Amino acid sequence: MNVHEVKWSKTGREAARRAFERVYLKECAAIAAKTREMAATASEPEDLWRIHDLLTRERRWTDEKYDYRYSVLLFVFARLLNEGWIAEADIQGLADDKIEAIRYLKTGSAGYETG
């Protein structure tokens, strides 16, 4: 299986979109909570710039990570699994071959073409 050329069924696309949106909102909520925590304890101008730096960094990371192109979506889910943002239960509804590919990509085992 070439993971860049995976075919997606309508059901698979819908399940992927739901999982993708849920985890994106979950990570954004975590960033918002961290920002609120930092803002609540800010007492110096430098504290404001630390918040700015955090948001800039997080924006860059999330923009890079949350790529919904079907050609890279299995990689996105594997990364999110590795980072602990989702569990395999969150991607149920995807076809078995896609879940197997995500597991492979998460662990880095041999067997799948990536190019």
PDB file of N, CA and C in Angstrom:
ATOM      1  N   MET A   1       0.850  -1.185   0.000  1.00  0.00           N
ATOM      2  CA  MET A   1       0.000   0.000   0.000  1.00  0.00           C
ATOM      3  C   MET A   1       0.890   1.240   0.000  1.00  0.00           C
ATOM      4  N   ASN A   2       0.642   2.122  -0.935  1.00  0.00           N
ATOM      5  CA  ASN A   2       1.314   3.416  -0.935  1.00  0.00           C
ATOM      6  C   ASN A   2       0.417   4.368  -0.161  1.00  0.00           C
ATOM      7  N   VAL A   3       0.858   4.780   1.011  1.00  0.00           N
ATOM      8  CA  VAL A   3      -0.007   5.571   1.890  1.00  0.00           C
ATOM      9  C   VAL A   3      -0.327   6.949   1.341  1.00  0.00           C
ATOM     10  N   HIS A   4       0.398   7.402   0.326  1.00  0.00           N
ATOM     11  CA  HIS A   4       0.085   8.694  -0.289  1.00  0.00           C
ATOM     12  C   HIS A   4      -1.040   8.573  -1.314  1.00  0.00           C
ATOM     13  N   GLU A   5      -1.356   7.356  -1.741  1.00  0.00           N
ATOM     14  CA  GLU A   5      -2.357   7.146  -2.788  1.00  0.00           C
ATOM     15  C   GLU A   5      -3.549   6.333  -2.286  1.00  0.00           C
ATOM     16  N   VAL A   6      -3.830   6.408  -1.017  1.00  0.00           N
ATOM     17  CA  VAL A   6      -4.935   5.679  -0.416  1.00  0.00           C
ATOM     18  C   VAL A   6      -6.250   6.237  -0.950  1.00  0.00           C
ATOM     19  N   LYS A   7      -7.171   5.341  -1.251  1.00  0.00           N
ATOM     20  CA  LYS A   7      -8.512   5.740  -1.686  1.00  0.00           C
ATOM     21  C   LYS A   7      -9.411   5.847  -0.453  1.00  0.00           C
ATOM     22  N   TRP A   8     -10.212   6.880  -0.403  1.00  0.00           N
ATOM     23  CA  TRP A   8     -11.086   7.123   0.728  1.00  0.00           C
ATOM     24  C   TRP A   8     -12.547   6.977   0.306  1.00  0.00           C
ATOM     25  N   SER A   9     -13.288   6.152   1.024  1.00  0.00           N
ATOM     26  CA  SER A   9     -14.728   6.020   0.793  1.00  0.00           C
ATOM     27  C   SER A   9     -15.426   7.223   1.428  1.00  0.00           C
ATOM     28  N   LYS A  10     -16.685   7.406   1.085  1.00  0.00           N
ATOM     29  CA  LYS A  10     -17.454   8.504   1.686  1.00  0.00           C
ATOM     30  C   LYS A  10     -17.528   8.330   3.207  1.00  0.00           C
ATOM     31  N   THR A  11     -17.792   7.100   3.652  1.00  0.00           N
ATOM     32  CA  THR A  11     -17.859   6.815   5.087  1.00  0.00           C
ATOM     33  C   THR A  11     -16.518   7.084   5.759  1.00  0.00           C
ATOM     34  N   GLY A  12     -15.435   6.668   5.113  1.00  0.00           N
ATOM     35  CA  GLY A  12     -14.098   6.900   5.651  1.00  0.00           C
ATOM     36  C   GLY A  12     -13.766   8.375   5.736  1.00  0.00           C
ATOM     37  N   ARG A  13     -14.145   9.133   4.711  1.00  0.00           N
ATOM     38  CA  ARG A  13     -13.903  10.581   4.726  1.00  0.00           C
ATOM     39  C   ARG A  13     -14.666  11.247   5.861  1.00  0.00           C
ATOM     40  N   GLU A  14     -15.910  10.815   6.068  1.00  0.00           N
ATOM     41  CA  GLU A  14     -16.727  11.388   7.146  1.00  0.00           C
ATOM     42  C   GLU A  14     -16.138  11.056   8.518  1.00  0.00           C
ATOM     43  N   ALA A  15     -15.708   9.809   8.713  1.00  0.00           N
ATOM     44  CA  ALA A  15     -15.105   9.404   9.994  1.00  0.00           C
ATOM     45  C   ALA A  15     -13.799  10.151  10.227  1.00  0.00           C
ATOM     46  N   ALA A  16     -13.013  10.302   9.172  1.00  0.00           N
ATOM     47  CA  ALA A  16     -11.743  11.026   9.290  1.00  0.00           C
ATOM     48  C   ALA A  16     -11.984  12.487   9.642  1.00  0.00           C
ATOM     49  N   ARG A  17     -12.955  13.110   8.991  1.00  0.00           N
ATOM     50  CA  ARG A  17     -13.257  14.524   9.260  1.00  0.00           C
ATOM     51  C   ARG A  17     -13.696  14.713  10.703  1.00  0.00           C
ATOM     52  N   ARG A  18     -14.572  13.826  11.195  1.00  0.00           N
ATOM     53  CA  ARG A  18     -15.030  13.935  12.590  1.00  0.00           C
ATOM     54  C   ARG A  18     -13.861  13.810  13.561  1.00  0.00           C
ATOM     55  N   ALA A  19     -13.017  12.809  13.355  1.00  0.00           N
ATOM     56  CA  ALA A  19     -11.872  12.603  14.243  1.00  0.00           C
ATOM     57  C   ALA A  19     -10.922  13.798  14.171  1.00  0.00           C
ATOM     58  N   PHE A  20     -10.655  14.261  12.954  1.00  0.00           N
ATOM     59  CA  PHE A  20      -9.743  15.377  12.742  1.00  0.00           C
ATOM     60  C   PHE A  20     -10.249  16.632  13.458  1.00  0.00           C
ATOM     61  N   GLU A  21     -11.509  16.952  13.267  1.00  0.00           N
ATOM     62  CA  GLU A  21     -12.063  18.162  13.881  1.00  0.00           C
ATOM     63  C   GLU A  21     -12.092  18.063  15.398  1.00  0.00           C
ATOM     64  N   ARG A  22     -12.453  16.883  15.923  1.00  0.00           N
ATOM     65  CA  ARG A  22     -12.479  16.704  17.385  1.00  0.00           C
ATOM     66  C   ARG A  22     -11.106  16.936  17.993  1.00  0.00           C
ATOM     67  N   VAL A  23     -10.087  16.330  17.397  1.00  0.00           N
ATOM     68  CA  VAL A  23      -8.752  16.445  17.988  1.00  0.00           C
ATOM     69  C   VAL A  23      -8.185  17.857  17.804  1.00  0.00           C
ATOM     70  N   TYR A  24      -8.504  18.504  16.689  1.00  0.00           N
ATOM     71  CA  TYR A  24      -8.048  19.877  16.489  1.00  0.00           C
ATOM     72  C   TYR A  24      -8.645  20.791  17.566  1.00  0.00           C
ATOM     73  N   LEU A  25      -9.948  20.644  17.797  1.00  0.00           N
ATOM     74  CA  LEU A  25     -10.595  21.442  18.838  1.00  0.00           C
ATOM     75  C   LEU A  25     -10.029  21.126  20.220  1.00  0.00           C
ATOM     76  N   LYS A  26      -9.720  19.867  20.465  1.00  0.00           N
ATOM     77  CA  LYS A  26      -9.140  19.453  21.746  1.00  0.00           C
ATOM     78  C   LYS A  26      -7.781  20.113  21.960  1.00  0.00           C
ATOM     79  N   GLU A  27      -6.938  20.100  20.932  1.00  0.00           N
ATOM     80  CA  GLU A  27      -5.619  20.718  21.080  1.00  0.00           C
ATOM     81  C   GLU A  27      -5.738  22.234  21.206  1.00  0.00           C
ATOM     82  N   CYS A  28      -6.636  22.850  20.457  1.00  0.00           N
ATOM     83  CA  CYS A  28      -6.836  24.301  20.578  1.00  0.00           C
ATOM     84  C   CYS A  28      -7.341  24.666  21.972  1.00  0.00           C
ATOM     85  N   ALA A  29      -8.201  23.839  22.539  1.00  0.00           N
ATOM     86  CA  ALA A  29      -8.688  24.086  23.903  1.00  0.00           C
ATOM     87  C   ALA A  29      -7.542  24.011  24.908  1.00  0.00           C
ATOM     88  N   ALA A  30      -6.620  23.079  24.708  1.00  0.00           N
ATOM     89  CA  ALA A  30      -5.459  22.969  25.594  1.00  0.00           C
ATOM     90  C   ALA A  30      -4.568  24.213  25.474  1.00  0.00           C
ATOM     91  N   ILE A  31      -4.401  24.698  24.255  1.00  0.00           N
ATOM     92  CA  ILE A  31      -3.607  25.924  24.048  1.00  0.00           C
ATOM     93  C   ILE A  31      -4.299  27.114  24.711  1.00  0.00           C
ATOM     94  N   ALA A  32      -5.610  27.198  24.567  1.00  0.00           N
ATOM     95  CA  ALA A  32      -6.364  28.293  25.190  1.00  0.00           C
ATOM     96  C   ALA A  32      -6.249  28.243  26.705  1.00  0.00           C
ATOM     97  N   ALA A  33      -6.325  27.044  27.274  1.00  0.00           N
ATOM     98  CA  ALA A  33      -6.205  26.900  28.728  1.00  0.00           C
ATOM     99  C   ALA A  33      -4.828  27.350  29.197  1.00  0.00           C
ATOM    100  N   LYS A  34      -3.791  26.947  28.478  1.00  0.00           N
ATOM    101  CA  LYS A  34      -2.423  27.359  28.837  1.00  0.00           C
ATOM    102  C   LYS A  34      -2.286  28.872  28.730  1.00  0.00           C
ATOM    103  N   THR A  35      -2.880  29.451  27.695  1.00  0.00           N
ATOM    104  CA  THR A  35      -2.820  30.901  27.508  1.00  0.00           C
ATOM    105  C   THR A  35      -3.532  31.620  28.648  1.00  0.00           C
ATOM    106  N   ARG A  36      -4.718  31.141  29.014  1.00  0.00           N
ATOM    107  CA  ARG A  36      -5.451  31.757  30.132  1.00  0.00           C
ATOM    108  C   ARG A  36      -4.651  31.663  31.432  1.00  0.00           C
ATOM    109  N   GLU A  37      -4.029  30.526  31.648  1.00  0.00           N
ATOM    110  CA  GLU A  37      -3.208  30.329  32.853  1.00  0.00           C
ATOM    111  C   GLU A  37      -2.047  31.326  32.874  1.00  0.00           C
ATOM    112  N   MET A  38      -1.388  31.473  31.747  1.00  0.00           N
ATOM    113  CA  MET A  38      -0.269  32.417  31.665  1.00  0.00           C
ATOM    114  C   MET A  38      -0.756  33.856  31.841  1.00  0.00           C
ATOM    115  N   ALA A  39      -1.902  34.196  31.245  1.00  0.00           N
ATOM    116  CA  ALA A  39      -2.435  35.555  31.345  1.00  0.00           C
ATOM    117  C   ALA A  39      -2.848  35.877  32.782  1.00  0.00           C
ATOM    118  N   ALA A  40      -3.377  34.882  33.476  1.00  0.00           N
ATOM    119  CA  ALA A  40      -3.823  35.097  34.853  1.00  0.00           C
ATOM    120  C   ALA A  40      -2.671  35.422  35.786  1.00  0.00           C
ATOM    121  N   THR A  41      -1.489  34.947  35.452  1.00  0.00           N
ATOM    122  CA  THR A  41      -0.333  35.190  36.329  1.00  0.00           C
ATOM    123  C   THR A  41       0.619  36.242  35.763  1.00  0.00           C
ATOM    124  N   ALA A  42       0.265  36.847  34.646  1.00  0.00           N
ATOM    125  CA  ALA A  42       1.135  37.854  34.024  1.00  0.00           C
ATOM    126  C   ALA A  42       1.185  39.104  34.903  1.00  0.00           C
ATOM    127  N   SER A  43       2.401  39.547  35.184  1.00  0.00           N
ATOM    128  CA  SER A  43       2.545  40.755  35.989  1.00  0.00           C
ATOM    129  C   SER A  43       3.562  41.722  35.388  1.00  0.00           C
ATOM    130  N   GLU A  44       4.332  41.268  34.470  1.00  0.00           N
ATOM    131  CA  GLU A  44       5.362  42.087  33.827  1.00  0.00           C
ATOM    132  C   GLU A  44       5.133  42.098  32.323  1.00  0.00           C
ATOM    133  N   PRO A  45       5.601  43.133  31.640  1.00  0.00           N
ATOM    134  CA  PRO A  45       5.476  43.158  30.176  1.00  0.00           C
ATOM    135  C   PRO A  45       6.067  41.918  29.502  1.00  0.00           C
ATOM    136  N   GLU A  46       7.164  41.391  30.052  1.00  0.00           N
ATOM    137  CA  GLU A  46       7.784  40.199  29.473  1.00  0.00           C
ATOM    138  C   GLU A  46       6.830  39.006  29.486  1.00  0.00           C
ATOM    139  N   ASP A  47       5.935  38.974  30.476  1.00  0.00           N
ATOM    140  CA  ASP A  47       4.961  37.888  30.550  1.00  0.00           C
ATOM    141  C   ASP A  47       4.029  37.914  29.337  1.00  0.00           C
ATOM    142  N   LEU A  48       3.680  39.110  28.896  1.00  0.00           N
ATOM    143  CA  LEU A  48       2.828  39.233  27.712  1.00  0.00           C
ATOM    144  C   LEU A  48       3.534  38.713  26.476  1.00  0.00           C
ATOM    145  N   TRP A  49       4.818  38.995  26.365  1.00  0.00           N
ATOM    146  CA  TRP A  49       5.565  38.550  25.184  1.00  0.00           C
ATOM    147  C   TRP A  49       5.765  37.044  25.215  1.00  0.00           C
ATOM    148  N   ARG A  50       5.829  36.447  26.418  1.00  0.00           N
ATOM    149  CA  ARG A  50       5.896  34.986  26.514  1.00  0.00           C
ATOM    150  C   ARG A  50       4.597  34.349  26.004  1.00  0.00           C
ATOM    151  N   ILE A  51       3.483  35.007  26.315  1.00  0.00           N
ATOM    152  CA  ILE A  51       2.193  34.526  25.804  1.00  0.00           C
ATOM    153  C   ILE A  51       2.178  34.639  24.280  1.00  0.00           C
ATOM    154  N   HIS A  52       2.635  35.760  23.787  1.00  0.00           N
ATOM    155  CA  HIS A  52       2.713  35.950  22.332  1.00  0.00           C
ATOM    156  C   HIS A  52       3.592  34.877  21.697  1.00  0.00           C
ATOM    157  N   ASP A  53       4.760  34.638  22.295  1.00  0.00           N
ATOM    158  CA  ASP A  53       5.678  33.622  21.763  1.00  0.00           C
ATOM    159  C   ASP A  53       5.036  32.238  21.772  1.00  0.00           C
ATOM    160  N   LEU A  54       4.338  31.907  22.857  1.00  0.00           N
ATOM    161  CA  LEU A  54       3.640  30.625  22.944  1.00  0.00           C
ATOM    162  C   LEU A  54       2.614  30.497  21.815  1.00  0.00           C
ATOM    163  N   LEU A  55       1.795  31.525  21.649  1.00  0.00           N
ATOM    164  CA  LEU A  55       0.758  31.463  20.617  1.00  0.00           C
ATOM    165  C   LEU A  55       1.351  31.391  19.213  1.00  0.00           C
ATOM    166  N   THR A  56       2.423  32.119  18.986  1.00  0.00           N
ATOM    167  CA  THR A  56       3.088  32.073  17.680  1.00  0.00           C
ATOM    168  C   THR A  56       3.620  30.674  17.401  1.00  0.00           C
ATOM    169  N   ARG A  57       4.291  30.095  18.386  1.00  0.00           N
ATOM    170  CA  ARG A  57       4.848  28.743  18.241  1.00  0.00           C
ATOM    171  C   ARG A  57       3.739  27.714  18.039  1.00  0.00           C
ATOM    172  N   GLU A  58       2.713  27.783  18.856  1.00  0.00           N
ATOM    173  CA  GLU A  58       1.613  26.822  18.759  1.00  0.00           C
ATOM    174  C   GLU A  58       0.880  26.962  17.428  1.00  0.00           C
ATOM    175  N   ARG A  59       0.709  28.171  16.951  1.00  0.00           N
ATOM    176  CA  ARG A  59       0.051  28.375  15.654  1.00  0.00           C
ATOM    177  C   ARG A  59       0.861  27.725  14.542  1.00  0.00           C
ATOM    178  N   ARG A  60       2.166  27.935  14.580  1.00  0.00           N
ATOM    179  CA  ARG A  60       3.048  27.343  13.564  1.00  0.00           C
ATOM    180  C   ARG A  60       2.961  25.818  13.620  1.00  0.00           C
ATOM    181  N   TRP A  61       3.025  25.239  14.829  1.00  0.00           N
ATOM    182  CA  TRP A  61       2.975  23.784  14.988  1.00  0.00           C
ATOM    183  C   TRP A  61       1.630  23.221  14.546  1.00  0.00           C
ATOM    184  N   THR A  62       0.538  23.870  14.953  1.00  0.00           N
ATOM    185  CA  THR A  62      -0.772  23.324  14.585  1.00  0.00           C
ATOM    186  C   THR A  62      -1.025  23.485  13.086  1.00  0.00           C
ATOM    187  N   ASP A  63      -0.605  24.581  12.498  1.00  0.00           N
ATOM    188  CA  ASP A  63      -0.765  24.740  11.046  1.00  0.00           C
ATOM    189  C   ASP A  63      -0.003  23.661  10.287  1.00  0.00           C
ATOM    190  N   GLU A  64       1.166  23.312  10.784  1.00  0.00           N
ATOM    191  CA  GLU A  64       1.972  22.262  10.150  1.00  0.00           C
ATOM    192  C   GLU A  64       1.340  20.885  10.367  1.00  0.00           C
ATOM    193  N   LYS A  65       0.899  20.651  11.566  1.00  0.00           N
ATOM    194  CA  LYS A  65       0.403  19.322  11.947  1.00  0.00           C
ATOM    195  C   LYS A  65      -0.961  18.997  11.346  1.00  0.00           C
ATOM    196  N   TYR A  66      -1.886  19.931  11.410  1.00  0.00           N
ATOM    197  CA  TYR A  66      -3.265  19.656  11.009  1.00  0.00           C
ATOM    198  C   TYR A  66      -3.462  19.933   9.522  1.00  0.00           C
ATOM    199  N   ASP A  67      -3.011  18.988   8.737  1.00  0.00           N
ATOM    200  CA  ASP A  67      -3.090  19.046   7.279  1.00  0.00           C
ATOM    201  C   ASP A  67      -4.117  18.012   6.854  1.00  0.00           C
ATOM    202  N   TYR A  68      -5.246  18.458   6.321  1.00  0.00           N
ATOM    203  CA  TYR A  68      -6.326  17.533   6.011  1.00  0.00           C
ATOM    204  C   TYR A  68      -6.276  16.993   4.585  1.00  0.00           C
ATOM    205  N   ARG A  69      -5.189  17.113   3.901  1.00  0.00           N
ATOM    206  CA  ARG A  69      -5.102  16.501   2.573  1.00  0.00           C
ATOM    207  C   ARG A  69      -5.113  14.978   2.743  1.00  0.00           C
ATOM    208  N   TYR A  70      -5.935  14.309   1.960  1.00  0.00           N
ATOM    209  CA  TYR A  70      -6.054  12.852   2.087  1.00  0.00           C
ATOM    210  C   TYR A  70      -4.727  12.148   1.833  1.00  0.00           C
ATOM    211  N   SER A  71      -3.858  12.742   1.042  1.00  0.00           N
ATOM    212  CA  SER A  71      -2.567  12.111   0.741  1.00  0.00           C
ATOM    213  C   SER A  71      -1.651  12.043   1.958  1.00  0.00           C
ATOM    214  N   VAL A  72      -1.896  12.853   2.985  1.00  0.00           N
ATOM    215  CA  VAL A  72      -1.044  12.845   4.180  1.00  0.00           C
ATOM    216  C   VAL A  72      -1.819  12.572   5.461  1.00  0.00           C
ATOM    217  N   LEU A  73      -3.118  12.357   5.349  1.00  0.00           N
ATOM    218  CA  LEU A  73      -3.949  12.239   6.541  1.00  0.00           C
ATOM    219  C   LEU A  73      -3.572  11.061   7.434  1.00  0.00           C
ATOM    220  N   LEU A  74      -3.132   9.955   6.857  1.00  0.00           N
ATOM    221  CA  LEU A  74      -2.703   8.827   7.689  1.00  0.00           C
ATOM    222  C   LEU A  74      -1.489   9.206   8.531  1.00  0.00           C
ATOM    223  N   PHE A  75      -0.589  10.003   7.954  1.00  0.00           N
ATOM    224  CA  PHE A  75       0.574  10.488   8.705  1.00  0.00           C
ATOM    225  C   PHE A  75       0.127  11.413   9.841  1.00  0.00           C
ATOM    226  N   VAL A  76      -0.852  12.256   9.563  1.00  0.00           N
ATOM    227  CA  VAL A  76      -1.362  13.173  10.581  1.00  0.00           C
ATOM    228  C   VAL A  76      -1.922  12.380  11.758  1.00  0.00           C
ATOM    229  N   PHE A  77      -2.754  11.382  11.459  1.00  0.00           N
ATOM    230  CA  PHE A  77      -3.323  10.581  12.542  1.00  0.00           C
ATOM    231  C   PHE A  77      -2.241   9.810  13.301  1.00  0.00           C
ATOM    232  N   ALA A  78      -1.235   9.310  12.614  1.00  0.00           N
ATOM    233  CA  ALA A  78      -0.141   8.605  13.289  1.00  0.00           C
ATOM    234  C   ALA A  78       0.593   9.554  14.238  1.00  0.00           C
ATOM    235  N   ARG A  79       0.846  10.758  13.784  1.00  0.00           N
ATOM    236  CA  ARG A  79       1.522  11.751  14.634  1.00  0.00           C
ATOM    237  C   ARG A  79       0.669  12.086  15.849  1.00  0.00           C
ATOM    238  N   LEU A  80      -0.627  12.279  15.633  1.00  0.00           N
ATOM    239  CA  LEU A  80      -1.522  12.600  16.745  1.00  0.00           C
ATOM    240  C   LEU A  80      -1.594  11.460  17.749  1.00  0.00           C
ATOM    241  N   LEU A  81      -1.548  10.223  17.272  1.00  0.00           N
ATOM    242  CA  LEU A  81      -1.483   9.071  18.175  1.00  0.00           C
ATOM    243  C   LEU A  81      -0.193   9.097  18.972  1.00  0.00           C
ATOM    244  N   ASN A  82       0.915   9.341  18.292  1.00  0.00           N
ATOM    245  CA  ASN A  82       2.211   9.394  18.974  1.00  0.00           C
ATOM    246  C   ASN A  82       2.256  10.482  20.032  1.00  0.00           C
ATOM    247  N   GLU A  83       1.648  11.614  19.733  1.00  0.00           N
ATOM    248  CA  GLU A  83       1.673  12.741  20.666  1.00  0.00           C
ATOM    249  C   GLU A  83       0.631  12.619  21.769  1.00  0.00           C
ATOM    250  N   GLY A  84      -0.236  11.606  21.667  1.00  0.00           N
ATOM    251  CA  GLY A  84      -1.239  11.385  22.705  1.00  0.00           C
ATOM    252  C   GLY A  84      -2.500  12.226  22.562  1.00  0.00           C
ATOM    253  N   TRP A  85      -2.684  12.884  21.438  1.00  0.00           N
ATOM    254  CA  TRP A  85      -3.880  13.701  21.246  1.00  0.00           C
ATOM    255  C   TRP A  85      -5.104  12.866  20.910  1.00  0.00           C
ATOM    256  N   ILE A  86      -4.884  11.706  20.289  1.00  0.00           N
ATOM    257  CA  ILE A  86      -5.992  10.803  20.000  1.00  0.00           C
ATOM    258  C   ILE A  86      -5.593   9.390  20.402  1.00  0.00           C
ATOM    259  N   ALA A  87      -6.602   8.555  20.514  1.00  0.00           N
ATOM    260  CA  ALA A  87      -6.409   7.121  20.757  1.00  0.00           C
ATOM    261  C   ALA A  87      -6.981   6.389  19.545  1.00  0.00           C
ATOM    262  N   GLU A  88      -6.652   5.127  19.429  1.00  0.00           N
ATOM    263  CA  GLU A  88      -7.184   4.356  18.304  1.00  0.00           C
ATOM    264  C   GLU A  88      -8.711   4.369  18.289  1.00  0.00           C
ATOM    265  N   ALA A  89      -9.322   4.424  19.443  1.00  0.00           N
ATOM    266  CA  ALA A  89     -10.788   4.472  19.496  1.00  0.00           C
ATOM    267  C   ALA A  89     -11.334   5.704  18.770  1.00  0.00           C
ATOM    268  N   ASP A  90     -10.558   6.770  18.715  1.00  0.00           N
ATOM    269  CA  ASP A  90     -10.992   8.000  18.061  1.00  0.00           C
ATOM    270  C   ASP A  90     -11.025   7.895  16.543  1.00  0.00           C
ATOM    271  N   ILE A  91     -10.330   6.914  15.988  1.00  0.00           N
ATOM    272  CA  ILE A  91     -10.300   6.763  14.530  1.00  0.00           C
ATOM    273  C   ILE A  91     -11.094   5.551  14.060  1.00  0.00           C
ATOM    274  N   GLN A  92     -11.889   4.986  14.969  1.00  0.00           N
ATOM    275  CA  GLN A  92     -12.771   3.904  14.561  1.00  0.00           C
ATOM    276  C   GLN A  92     -13.741   4.460  13.533  1.00  0.00           C
ATOM    277  N   GLY A  93     -14.073   3.647  12.574  1.00  0.00           N
ATOM    278  CA  GLY A  93     -14.891   4.116  11.468  1.00  0.00           C
ATOM    279  C   GLY A  93     -14.062   4.222  10.203  1.00  0.00           C
ATOM    280  N   LEU A  94     -12.735   4.293  10.376  1.00  0.00           N
ATOM    281  CA  LEU A  94     -11.851   4.212   9.218  1.00  0.00           C
ATOM    282  C   LEU A  94     -11.730   2.746   8.829  1.00  0.00           C
ATOM    283  N   ALA A  95     -11.441   2.490   7.582  1.00  0.00           N
ATOM    284  CA  ALA A  95     -11.260   1.119   7.113  1.00  0.00           C
ATOM    285  C   ALA A  95     -10.084   0.471   7.834  1.00  0.00           C
ATOM    286  N   ASP A  96     -10.153  -0.847   7.978  1.00  0.00           N
ATOM    287  CA  ASP A  96      -9.109  -1.591   8.686  1.00  0.00           C
ATOM    288  C   ASP A  96      -7.724  -1.355   8.087  1.00  0.00           C
ATOM    289  N   ASP A  97      -7.623  -1.259   6.756  1.00  0.00           N
ATOM    290  CA  ASP A  97      -6.309  -1.051   6.146  1.00  0.00           C
ATOM    291  C   ASP A  97      -5.740   0.314   6.508  1.00  0.00           C
ATOM    292  N   LYS A  98      -6.596   1.293   6.686  1.00  0.00           N
ATOM    293  CA  LYS A  98      -6.128   2.629   7.079  1.00  0.00           C
ATOM    294  C   LYS A  98      -5.654   2.631   8.531  1.00  0.00           C
ATOM    295  N   ILE A  99      -6.412   1.961   9.392  1.00  0.00           N
ATOM    296  CA  ILE A  99      -6.008   1.870  10.800  1.00  0.00           C
ATOM    297  C   ILE A  99      -4.692   1.110  10.912  1.00  0.00           C
ATOM    298  N   GLU A 100      -4.561   0.039  10.141  1.00  0.00           N
ATOM    299  CA  GLU A 100      -3.304  -0.719  10.137  1.00  0.00           C
ATOM    300  C   GLU A 100      -2.148   0.170   9.656  1.00  0.00           C
ATOM    301  N   ALA A 101      -2.381   0.955   8.626  1.00  0.00           N
ATOM    302  CA  ALA A 101      -1.335   1.858   8.111  1.00  0.00           C
ATOM    303  C   ALA A 101      -0.967   2.904   9.154  1.00  0.00           C
ATOM    304  N   ILE A 102      -1.955   3.434   9.865  1.00  0.00           N
ATOM    305  CA  ILE A 102      -1.687   4.420  10.919  1.00  0.00           C
ATOM    306  C   ILE A 102      -0.855   3.793  12.028  1.00  0.00           C
ATOM    307  N   ARG A 103      -1.195   2.574  12.415  1.00  0.00           N
ATOM    308  CA  ARG A 103      -0.402   1.865  13.432  1.00  0.00           C
ATOM    309  C   ARG A 103       1.041   1.695  12.971  1.00  0.00           C
ATOM    310  N   TYR A 104       1.201   1.292  11.721  1.00  0.00           N
ATOM    311  CA  TYR A 104       2.540   1.119  11.158  1.00  0.00           C
ATOM    312  C   TYR A 104       3.307   2.437  11.190  1.00  0.00           C
ATOM    313  N   LEU A 105       2.677   3.487  10.710  1.00  0.00           N
ATOM    314  CA  LEU A 105       3.352   4.786  10.662  1.00  0.00           C
ATOM    315  C   LEU A 105       3.693   5.276  12.065  1.00  0.00           C
ATOM    316  N   LYS A 106       2.842   4.965  13.031  1.00  0.00           N
ATOM    317  CA  LYS A 106       3.079   5.358  14.428  1.00  0.00           C
ATOM    318  C   LYS A 106       4.321   4.670  14.975  1.00  0.00           C
ATOM    319  N   THR A 107       4.482   3.393  14.643  1.00  0.00           N
ATOM    320  CA  THR A 107       5.598   2.629  15.201  1.00  0.00           C
ATOM    321  C   THR A 107       6.844   2.665  14.334  1.00  0.00           C
ATOM    322  N   GLY A 108       6.664   2.986  13.046  1.00  0.00           N
ATOM    323  CA  GLY A 108       7.800   3.039  12.145  1.00  0.00           C
ATOM    324  C   GLY A 108       8.252   1.676  11.654  1.00  0.00           C
ATOM    325  N   SER A 109       7.391   0.663  11.740  1.00  0.00           N
ATOM    326  CA  SER A 109       7.744  -0.686  11.280  1.00  0.00           C
ATOM    327  C   SER A 109       7.830  -0.731   9.770  1.00  0.00           C
ATOM    328  N   ALA A 110       8.479  -1.746   9.252  1.00  0.00           N
ATOM    329  CA  ALA A 110       8.630  -1.916   7.808  1.00  0.00           C
ATOM    330  C   ALA A 110       7.370  -2.508   7.213  1.00  0.00           C
ATOM    331  N   GLY A 111       7.181  -2.295   5.904  1.00  0.00           N
ATOM    332  CA  GLY A 111       6.090  -2.950   5.224  1.00  0.00           C
ATOM    333  C   GLY A 111       5.234  -2.074   4.348  1.00  0.00           C
ATOM    334  N   TYR A 112       5.236  -0.789   4.547  1.00  0.00           N
ATOM    335  CA  TYR A 112       4.415   0.099   3.739  1.00  0.00           C
ATOM    336  C   TYR A 112       5.301   1.036   2.952  1.00  0.00           C
ATOM    337  N   GLU A 113       4.842   1.335   1.741  1.00  0.00           N
ATOM    338  CA  GLU A 113       5.540   2.342   0.940  1.00  0.00           C
ATOM    339  C   GLU A 113       5.051   3.708   1.401  1.00  0.00           C
ATOM    340  N   THR A 114       5.956   4.653   1.518  1.00  0.00           N
ATOM    341  CA  THR A 114       5.570   6.008   1.877  1.00  0.00           C
ATOM    342  C   THR A 114       5.808   6.956   0.711  1.00  0.00           C
ATOM    343  N   GLY A 115       6.240   6.458  -0.406  1.00  0.00           N
ATOM    344  CA  GLY A 115       6.456   7.373  -1.527  1.00  0.00           C
ATOM    345  C   GLY A 115       6.101   6.776  -2.825  1.00  0.00           C
TER     346      GLY A 115
END
